Amino acid sequence: MAALTGKTALVTGGSRGIGRAVAERLAQDGARVGVHYNTGADAAKQTIAAIERAGGSAFAVQAELGVDGDAEALWTAFDSHADGLDILINNAGIAELGGVADTTPDAFARLFAVNTTAPFFITQLGLDRLRSGGRIVNVSTSYTLGKPDPQLTTYAMTKAAIDVFTSALAKELGPRGITVNAVNPGAIDTDLNAAWLRSNDEARAATAARSPLARVGVPTDVAGVVAFLVSTDAGWVTGQLLDATGGALL
């Protein structure tokens, strides 16, 4: 399948986990993919090497998010490899456990800086690069759709802002034929979740039991949803929050 041949994509946080799966899938579908990373240069190289071994094309984009000038630095790095953009995947994010009573101001500010402020201004500065008919997909969380976790309150708040951003931006960019959607995954088996999903059999079984499909999600599950949203088949889908929980919220 080469439905994205001739398209250029950027995946923030594209070197690991969901981001890597998305980058590899978009490349498989024909896109040339910018793989953004912060400090994981080796992981980015591995992702790009995997894409190239499979016959795809990719390049690395380094930028630290959540700091002053992050969006400018990211686009400067991107512009050295490409002269325009068709697909923007705002995937990069961080999480930190803590209830309301024990969340510090610094932790609160850091979560919003990376998860909310960075994608907002990355998108803002990317609009002049994004071609008409393009696609934006924001990776959110199921915690904004279903039952929130008190230990991830601030994290969920950052993603709730992204959900609102998604619907508002869809209206703003509609006249250019650009669709904007969010994917809201549930628990996904990534390195970020390894401590409780891979080493705790009880937690893994409980997580799998929440889904009618009786398993834990994997990054390619989310990548498949993203691939649909950036395809021509999804040209009539915009402003939506897609539940990608394997039915866990039923």
C-alpha atoms as a PDB file:
ATOM      1  CA  MET A   1       0.000   0.000   0.000  1.00  0.00           C
ATOM      2  CA  ALA A   2       1.406   3.414  -0.975  1.00  0.00           C
ATOM      3  CA  ALA A   3      -1.521   5.710  -0.326  1.00  0.00           C
ATOM      4  CA  LEU A   4       0.770   8.363   1.145  1.00  0.00           C
ATOM      5  CA  THR A   5       3.375   8.378  -1.608  1.00  0.00           C
ATOM      6  CA  GLY A   6       4.672  11.915  -2.134  1.00  0.00           C
ATOM      7  CA  LYS A   7       3.519  13.038   1.314  1.00  0.00           C
ATOM      8  CA  THR A   8       5.772  14.337   4.079  1.00  0.00           C
ATOM      9  CA  ALA A   9       4.903  13.632   7.705  1.00  0.00           C
ATOM     10  CA  LEU A  10       6.257  14.699  11.075  1.00  0.00           C
ATOM     11  CA  VAL A  11       5.734  12.550  14.174  1.00  0.00           C
ATOM     12  CA  THR A  12       6.721  14.165  17.461  1.00  0.00           C
ATOM     13  CA  GLY A  13       8.083  11.652  19.917  1.00  0.00           C
ATOM     14  CA  GLY A  14       8.521   9.363  16.948  1.00  0.00           C
ATOM     15  CA  SER A  15      11.460   7.318  18.185  1.00  0.00           C
ATOM     16  CA  ARG A  16       9.688   5.139  20.756  1.00  0.00           C
ATOM     17  CA  GLY A  17       6.413   3.480  21.668  1.00  0.00           C
ATOM     18  CA  ILE A  18       3.297   4.714  19.920  1.00  0.00           C
ATOM     19  CA  GLY A  19       5.282   7.356  18.046  1.00  0.00           C
ATOM     20  CA  ARG A  20       7.635   4.791  16.543  1.00  0.00           C
ATOM     21  CA  ALA A  21       4.742   2.567  15.486  1.00  0.00           C
ATOM     22  CA  VAL A  22       3.051   5.543  13.843  1.00  0.00           C
ATOM     23  CA  ALA A  23       6.242   6.627  12.070  1.00  0.00           C
ATOM     24  CA  GLU A  24       6.822   3.118  10.739  1.00  0.00           C
ATOM     25  CA  ARG A  25       3.218   2.751   9.587  1.00  0.00           C
ATOM     26  CA  LEU A  26       3.159   6.098   7.769  1.00  0.00           C
ATOM     27  CA  ALA A  27       6.424   5.206   6.052  1.00  0.00           C
ATOM     28  CA  GLN A  28       4.996   1.808   5.133  1.00  0.00           C
ATOM     29  CA  ASP A  29       2.076   3.630   3.530  1.00  0.00           C
ATOM     30  CA  GLY A  30       4.469   5.709   1.424  1.00  0.00           C
ATOM     31  CA  ALA A  31       5.118   8.906   3.389  1.00  0.00           C
ATOM     32  CA  ARG A  32       8.543  10.391   4.019  1.00  0.00           C
ATOM     33  CA  VAL A  33       8.612  10.699   7.800  1.00  0.00           C
ATOM     34  CA  GLY A  34      10.338  13.134  10.123  1.00  0.00           C
ATOM     35  CA  VAL A  35      11.078  11.248  13.353  1.00  0.00           C
ATOM     36  CA  HIS A  36      11.257  13.777  16.179  1.00  0.00           C
ATOM     37  CA  TYR A  37      13.134  12.976  19.370  1.00  0.00           C
ATOM     38  CA  ASN A  38      14.523  14.811  22.374  1.00  0.00           C
ATOM     39  CA  THR A  39      17.424  12.875  23.922  1.00  0.00           C
ATOM     40  CA  GLY A  40      16.895   9.433  22.363  1.00  0.00           C
ATOM     41  CA  ALA A  41      19.244   9.796  19.393  1.00  0.00           C
ATOM     42  CA  ASP A  42      19.979   6.073  19.314  1.00  0.00           C
ATOM     43  CA  ALA A  43      16.271   5.209  19.402  1.00  0.00           C
ATOM     44  CA  ALA A  44      15.612   7.634  16.543  1.00  0.00           C
ATOM     45  CA  LYS A  45      18.420   6.070  14.510  1.00  0.00           C
ATOM     46  CA  GLN A  46      16.968   2.624  15.141  1.00  0.00           C
ATOM     47  CA  THR A  47      13.519   3.756  14.047  1.00  0.00           C
ATOM     48  CA  ILE A  48      14.869   5.329  10.878  1.00  0.00           C
ATOM     49  CA  ALA A  49      16.969   2.237  10.149  1.00  0.00           C
ATOM     50  CA  ALA A  50      13.899   0.018  10.535  1.00  0.00           C
ATOM     51  CA  ILE A  51      11.936   2.236   8.170  1.00  0.00           C
ATOM     52  CA  GLU A  52      14.702   2.200   5.589  1.00  0.00           C
ATOM     53  CA  ARG A  53      15.144  -1.570   5.821  1.00  0.00           C
ATOM     54  CA  ALA A  54      11.469  -1.881   4.973  1.00  0.00           C
ATOM     55  CA  GLY A  55      11.945   0.327   1.911  1.00  0.00           C
ATOM     56  CA  GLY A  56      10.690   3.578   3.421  1.00  0.00           C
ATOM     57  CA  SER A  57      12.189   7.037   3.876  1.00  0.00           C
ATOM     58  CA  ALA A  58      12.713   8.948   7.106  1.00  0.00           C
ATOM     59  CA  PHE A  59      14.878  11.602   8.737  1.00  0.00           C
ATOM     60  CA  ALA A  60      15.610  12.678  12.304  1.00  0.00           C
ATOM     61  CA  VAL A  61      14.348  15.909  13.887  1.00  0.00           C
ATOM     62  CA  GLN A  62      15.859  16.770  17.272  1.00  0.00           C
ATOM     63  CA  ALA A  63      14.281  19.284  19.633  1.00  0.00           C
ATOM     64  CA  GLU A  64      13.637  19.439  23.363  1.00  0.00           C
ATOM     65  CA  LEU A  65       9.992  20.189  24.087  1.00  0.00           C
ATOM     66  CA  GLY A  66       8.654  22.099  27.066  1.00  0.00           C
ATOM     67  CA  VAL A  67      11.320  24.805  26.956  1.00  0.00           C
ATOM     68  CA  ASP A  68      11.411  28.301  25.481  1.00  0.00           C
ATOM     69  CA  GLY A  69      11.859  28.250  21.718  1.00  0.00           C
ATOM     70  CA  ASP A  70      11.017  24.554  21.372  1.00  0.00           C
ATOM     71  CA  ALA A  71       8.648  24.945  18.426  1.00  0.00           C
ATOM     72  CA  GLU A  72      11.075  27.182  16.564  1.00  0.00           C
ATOM     73  CA  ALA A  73      13.925  24.719  17.119  1.00  0.00           C
ATOM     74  CA  LEU A  74      11.821  21.803  15.923  1.00  0.00           C
ATOM     75  CA  TRP A  75      10.783  23.499  12.699  1.00  0.00           C
ATOM     76  CA  THR A  76      14.309  24.730  12.005  1.00  0.00           C
ATOM     77  CA  ALA A  77      15.491  21.128  12.213  1.00  0.00           C
ATOM     78  CA  PHE A  78      12.587  19.936  10.058  1.00  0.00           C
ATOM     79  CA  ASP A  79      13.172  22.607   7.401  1.00  0.00           C
ATOM     80  CA  SER A  80      16.701  21.363   6.824  1.00  0.00           C
ATOM     81  CA  HIS A  81      15.191  18.138   5.443  1.00  0.00           C
ATOM     82  CA  ALA A  82      11.871  19.122   3.852  1.00  0.00           C
ATOM     83  CA  ASP A  83      10.209  22.057   2.121  1.00  0.00           C
ATOM     84  CA  GLY A  84       6.643  21.435   3.261  1.00  0.00           C
ATOM     85  CA  LEU A  85       4.364  19.240   5.333  1.00  0.00           C
ATOM     86  CA  ASP A  86       1.286  17.129   4.670  1.00  0.00           C
ATOM     87  CA  ILE A  87       0.790  15.263   7.953  1.00  0.00           C
ATOM     88  CA  LEU A  88       1.468  16.413  11.510  1.00  0.00           C
ATOM     89  CA  ILE A  89       1.192  13.914  14.363  1.00  0.00           C
ATOM     90  CA  ASN A  90       1.389  15.561  17.797  1.00  0.00           C
ATOM     91  CA  ASN A  91       2.353  12.489  19.789  1.00  0.00           C
ATOM     92  CA  ALA A  92       5.140  13.511  22.186  1.00  0.00           C
ATOM     93  CA  GLY A  93       4.106  13.689  25.810  1.00  0.00           C
ATOM     94  CA  ILE A  94       5.023  12.898  29.379  1.00  0.00           C
ATOM     95  CA  ALA A  95       3.132  11.591  32.393  1.00  0.00           C
ATOM     96  CA  GLU A  96       3.764  11.851  36.102  1.00  0.00           C
ATOM     97  CA  LEU A  97       1.895  10.135  38.879  1.00  0.00           C
ATOM     98  CA  GLY A  98       0.437  12.324  41.596  1.00  0.00           C
ATOM     99  CA  GLY A  99      -2.889  13.303  43.047  1.00  0.00           C
ATOM    100  CA  VAL A 100      -4.020  16.882  43.545  1.00  0.00           C
ATOM    101  CA  ALA A 101      -2.618  17.016  47.081  1.00  0.00           C
ATOM    102  CA  ASP A 102       0.917  16.009  46.107  1.00  0.00           C
ATOM    103  CA  THR A 103       1.380  17.651  42.689  1.00  0.00           C
ATOM    104  CA  THR A 104       4.011  20.366  42.858  1.00  0.00           C
ATOM    105  CA  PRO A 105       3.849  23.608  40.863  1.00  0.00           C
ATOM    106  CA  ASP A 106       6.967  22.573  38.939  1.00  0.00           C
ATOM    107  CA  ALA A 107       5.486  19.195  37.980  1.00  0.00           C
ATOM    108  CA  PHE A 108       2.203  20.821  36.965  1.00  0.00           C
ATOM    109  CA  ALA A 109       3.982  23.404  34.803  1.00  0.00           C
ATOM    110  CA  ARG A 110       6.230  20.781  33.201  1.00  0.00           C
ATOM    111  CA  LEU A 111       3.319  18.556  32.219  1.00  0.00           C
ATOM    112  CA  PHE A 112       1.448  21.427  30.594  1.00  0.00           C
ATOM    113  CA  ALA A 113       4.596  22.735  28.899  1.00  0.00           C
ATOM    114  CA  VAL A 114       5.290  19.421  27.144  1.00  0.00           C
ATOM    115  CA  ASN A 115       1.786  18.042  26.638  1.00  0.00           C
ATOM    116  CA  THR A 116      -0.211  21.180  25.852  1.00  0.00           C
ATOM    117  CA  THR A 117       1.897  24.259  25.161  1.00  0.00           C
ATOM    118  CA  ALA A 118       4.404  22.506  22.895  1.00  0.00           C
ATOM    119  CA  PRO A 119       1.869  20.892  20.531  1.00  0.00           C
ATOM    120  CA  PHE A 120      -0.132  24.125  20.386  1.00  0.00           C
ATOM    121  CA  PHE A 121       2.816  26.211  19.204  1.00  0.00           C
ATOM    122  CA  ILE A 122       4.317  23.437  17.079  1.00  0.00           C
ATOM    123  CA  THR A 123       1.004  23.387  15.249  1.00  0.00           C
ATOM    124  CA  GLN A 124       0.782  27.177  15.104  1.00  0.00           C
ATOM    125  CA  LEU A 125       4.224  27.504  13.524  1.00  0.00           C
ATOM    126  CA  GLY A 126       3.555  24.531  11.283  1.00  0.00           C
ATOM    127  CA  LEU A 127       0.451  25.978   9.645  1.00  0.00           C
ATOM    128  CA  ASP A 128       2.420  27.879   7.009  1.00  0.00           C
ATOM    129  CA  ARG A 129       4.210  24.655   6.144  1.00  0.00           C
ATOM    130  CA  LEU A 130       1.105  22.455   6.138  1.00  0.00           C
ATOM    131  CA  ARG A 131      -0.303  22.078   2.662  1.00  0.00           C
ATOM    132  CA  SER A 132      -4.010  22.418   1.946  1.00  0.00           C
ATOM    133  CA  GLY A 133      -5.726  19.045   2.253  1.00  0.00           C
ATOM    134  CA  GLY A 134      -3.309  18.064   4.993  1.00  0.00           C
ATOM    135  CA  ARG A 135      -3.899  16.100   8.173  1.00  0.00           C
ATOM    136  CA  ILE A 136      -3.301  16.776  11.868  1.00  0.00           C
ATOM    137  CA  VAL A 137      -3.702  14.030  14.447  1.00  0.00           C
ATOM    138  CA  ASN A 138      -3.248  14.698  18.164  1.00  0.00           C
ATOM    139  CA  VAL A 139      -2.554  11.775  20.489  1.00  0.00           C
ATOM    140  CA  SER A 140      -4.650  12.238  23.621  1.00  0.00           C
ATOM    141  CA  THR A 141      -5.803   9.739  26.261  1.00  0.00           C
ATOM    142  CA  SER A 142      -8.832   7.723  27.273  1.00  0.00           C
ATOM    143  CA  TYR A 143      -8.719   9.450  30.659  1.00  0.00           C
ATOM    144  CA  THR A 144     -10.505  12.406  29.064  1.00  0.00           C
ATOM    145  CA  LEU A 145     -13.306  10.146  27.799  1.00  0.00           C
ATOM    146  CA  GLY A 146     -13.972   7.756  30.649  1.00  0.00           C
ATOM    147  CA  LYS A 147     -13.205   7.391  34.304  1.00  0.00           C
ATOM    148  CA  PRO A 148     -10.241   9.590  35.316  1.00  0.00           C
ATOM    149  CA  ASP A 149      -7.433   8.225  37.464  1.00  0.00           C
ATOM    150  CA  PRO A 150      -6.862  10.403  40.556  1.00  0.00           C
ATOM    151  CA  GLN A 151      -3.128   9.691  40.270  1.00  0.00           C
ATOM    152  CA  LEU A 152      -3.065  11.136  36.734  1.00  0.00           C
ATOM    153  CA  THR A 153      -5.261  14.191  37.238  1.00  0.00           C
ATOM    154  CA  THR A 154      -2.840  16.758  35.857  1.00  0.00           C
ATOM    155  CA  TYR A 155      -1.887  14.532  32.934  1.00  0.00           C
ATOM    156  CA  ALA A 156      -5.561  14.135  32.015  1.00  0.00           C
ATOM    157  CA  MET A 157      -6.042  17.894  32.286  1.00  0.00           C
ATOM    158  CA  THR A 158      -3.248  18.496  29.771  1.00  0.00           C
ATOM    159  CA  LYS A 159      -4.896  16.093  27.339  1.00  0.00           C
ATOM    160  CA  ALA A 160      -8.386  17.528  27.898  1.00  0.00           C
ATOM    161  CA  ALA A 161      -6.965  20.803  26.613  1.00  0.00           C
ATOM    162  CA  ILE A 162      -5.686  18.950  23.538  1.00  0.00           C
ATOM    163  CA  ASP A 163      -9.172  17.531  22.934  1.00  0.00           C
ATOM    164  CA  VAL A 164     -10.641  21.048  22.920  1.00  0.00           C
ATOM    165  CA  PHE A 165      -7.796  22.256  20.718  1.00  0.00           C
ATOM    166  CA  THR A 166      -8.600  19.457  18.264  1.00  0.00           C
ATOM    167  CA  SER A 167     -12.252  20.402  17.782  1.00  0.00           C
ATOM    168  CA  ALA A 168     -11.568  24.143  17.605  1.00  0.00           C
ATOM    169  CA  LEU A 169      -8.699  23.772  15.138  1.00  0.00           C
ATOM    170  CA  ALA A 170     -10.804  21.507  12.922  1.00  0.00           C
ATOM    171  CA  LYS A 171     -13.237  24.383  12.459  1.00  0.00           C
ATOM    172  CA  GLU A 172     -10.449  26.884  11.840  1.00  0.00           C
ATOM    173  CA  LEU A 173      -8.648  24.795   9.225  1.00  0.00           C
ATOM    174  CA  GLY A 174     -11.683  23.300   7.512  1.00  0.00           C
ATOM    175  CA  PRO A 175     -11.702  25.918   4.738  1.00  0.00           C
ATOM    176  CA  ARG A 176      -8.240  24.703   3.714  1.00  0.00           C
ATOM    177  CA  GLY A 177      -9.418  21.112   3.494  1.00  0.00           C
ATOM    178  CA  ILE A 178      -7.248  20.168   6.487  1.00  0.00           C
ATOM    179  CA  THR A 179      -8.723  17.638   8.892  1.00  0.00           C
ATOM    180  CA  VAL A 180      -7.871  17.647  12.602  1.00  0.00           C
ATOM    181  CA  ASN A 181      -8.645  14.693  14.847  1.00  0.00           C
ATOM    182  CA  ALA A 182      -7.482  13.156  18.115  1.00  0.00           C
ATOM    183  CA  VAL A 183      -6.831   9.540  19.014  1.00  0.00           C
ATOM    184  CA  ASN A 184      -7.544   8.674  22.645  1.00  0.00           C
ATOM    185  CA  PRO A 185      -5.753   5.412  23.528  1.00  0.00           C
ATOM    186  CA  GLY A 186      -6.238   3.349  26.637  1.00  0.00           C
ATOM    187  CA  ALA A 187      -3.436   1.373  28.276  1.00  0.00           C
ATOM    188  CA  ILE A 188      -0.833   0.476  25.658  1.00  0.00           C
ATOM    189  CA  ASP A 189       2.093  -1.887  26.164  1.00  0.00           C
ATOM    190  CA  THR A 190       5.050   0.463  25.711  1.00  0.00           C
ATOM    191  CA  ASP A 191       8.329   0.971  27.554  1.00  0.00           C
ATOM    192  CA  LEU A 192       6.667   3.863  29.413  1.00  0.00           C
ATOM    193  CA  ASN A 193       4.172   1.414  30.922  1.00  0.00           C
ATOM    194  CA  ALA A 194       6.581  -1.480  31.331  1.00  0.00           C
ATOM    195  CA  ALA A 195       6.821  -1.212  35.116  1.00  0.00           C
ATOM    196  CA  TRP A 196       3.191  -2.170  35.637  1.00  0.00           C
ATOM    197  CA  LEU A 197       2.108  -3.841  32.395  1.00  0.00           C
ATOM    198  CA  ARG A 198       5.052  -6.167  31.790  1.00  0.00           C
ATOM    199  CA  SER A 199       6.271  -7.006  35.269  1.00  0.00           C
ATOM    200  CA  ASN A 200       2.946  -7.231  37.103  1.00  0.00           C
ATOM    201  CA  ASP A 201       0.856 -10.179  35.928  1.00  0.00           C
ATOM    202  CA  GLU A 202      -2.125  -9.142  38.030  1.00  0.00           C
ATOM    203  CA  ALA A 203      -2.168  -5.619  36.617  1.00  0.00           C
ATOM    204  CA  ARG A 204      -1.785  -6.905  33.070  1.00  0.00           C
ATOM    205  CA  ALA A 205      -4.642  -9.379  33.492  1.00  0.00           C
ATOM    206  CA  ALA A 206      -6.887  -6.695  34.983  1.00  0.00           C
ATOM    207  CA  THR A 207      -6.060  -4.321  32.129  1.00  0.00           C
ATOM    208  CA  ALA A 208      -6.774  -6.979  29.507  1.00  0.00           C
ATOM    209  CA  ALA A 209     -10.070  -7.842  31.201  1.00  0.00           C
ATOM    210  CA  ARG A 210     -11.373  -4.296  30.667  1.00  0.00           C
ATOM    211  CA  SER A 211     -11.481  -4.872  26.919  1.00  0.00           C
ATOM    212  CA  PRO A 212     -14.025  -7.129  25.202  1.00  0.00           C
ATOM    213  CA  LEU A 213     -11.051  -8.243  23.101  1.00  0.00           C
ATOM    214  CA  ALA A 214      -9.411  -9.582  26.279  1.00  0.00           C
ATOM    215  CA  ARG A 215      -5.927  -8.263  25.649  1.00  0.00           C
ATOM    216  CA  VAL A 216      -3.704  -5.251  26.268  1.00  0.00           C
ATOM    217  CA  GLY A 217      -3.260  -2.786  23.426  1.00  0.00           C
ATOM    218  CA  VAL A 218       0.007  -2.483  21.521  1.00  0.00           C
ATOM    219  CA  PRO A 219       1.458   0.531  19.660  1.00  0.00           C
ATOM    220  CA  THR A 220       0.469  -0.794  16.237  1.00  0.00           C
ATOM    221  CA  ASP A 221      -3.168  -0.749  17.344  1.00  0.00           C
ATOM    222  CA  VAL A 222      -2.966   3.021  17.691  1.00  0.00           C
ATOM    223  CA  ALA A 223      -0.846   3.401  14.563  1.00  0.00           C
ATOM    224  CA  GLY A 224      -3.586   1.745  12.525  1.00  0.00           C
ATOM    225  CA  VAL A 225      -6.131   4.297  13.731  1.00  0.00           C
ATOM    226  CA  VAL A 226      -3.757   7.152  12.903  1.00  0.00           C
ATOM    227  CA  ALA A 227      -3.109   5.674   9.460  1.00  0.00           C
ATOM    228  CA  PHE A 228      -6.833   5.731   8.761  1.00  0.00           C
ATOM    229  CA  LEU A 229      -7.215   9.337   9.916  1.00  0.00           C
ATOM    230  CA  VAL A 230      -4.455  10.591   7.618  1.00  0.00           C
ATOM    231  CA  SER A 231      -5.733   8.621   4.620  1.00  0.00           C
ATOM    232  CA  THR A 232      -8.030   9.839   1.878  1.00  0.00           C
ATOM    233  CA  ASP A 233     -10.692   7.492   3.266  1.00  0.00           C
ATOM    234  CA  ALA A 234     -10.960   9.777   6.310  1.00  0.00           C
ATOM    235  CA  GLY A 235     -11.401  12.959   4.324  1.00  0.00           C
ATOM    236  CA  TRP A 236     -14.902  13.419   5.787  1.00  0.00           C
ATOM    237  CA  VAL A 237     -13.783  12.875   9.383  1.00  0.00           C
ATOM    238  CA  THR A 238     -12.678  15.937  11.340  1.00  0.00           C
ATOM    239  CA  GLY A 239     -12.947  17.365  14.825  1.00  0.00           C
ATOM    240  CA  GLN A 240     -13.357  13.899  16.318  1.00  0.00           C
ATOM    241  CA  LEU A 241     -11.975  12.176  19.408  1.00  0.00           C
ATOM    242  CA  LEU A 242     -11.501   8.512  18.500  1.00  0.00           C
ATOM    243  CA  ASP A 243     -11.768   6.002  21.320  1.00  0.00           C
ATOM    244  CA  ALA A 244      -8.812   3.643  20.817  1.00  0.00           C
ATOM    245  CA  THR A 245      -9.209   1.600  23.988  1.00  0.00           C
ATOM    246  CA  GLY A 246     -10.217  -1.765  22.570  1.00  0.00           C
ATOM    247  CA  GLY A 247     -13.697  -1.167  23.909  1.00  0.00           C
ATOM    248  CA  ALA A 248     -12.494  -0.675  27.497  1.00  0.00           C
ATOM    249  CA  LEU A 249     -14.906   2.211  28.003  1.00  0.00           C
ATOM    250  CA  LEU A 250     -17.987   0.183  27.016  1.00  0.00           C
END
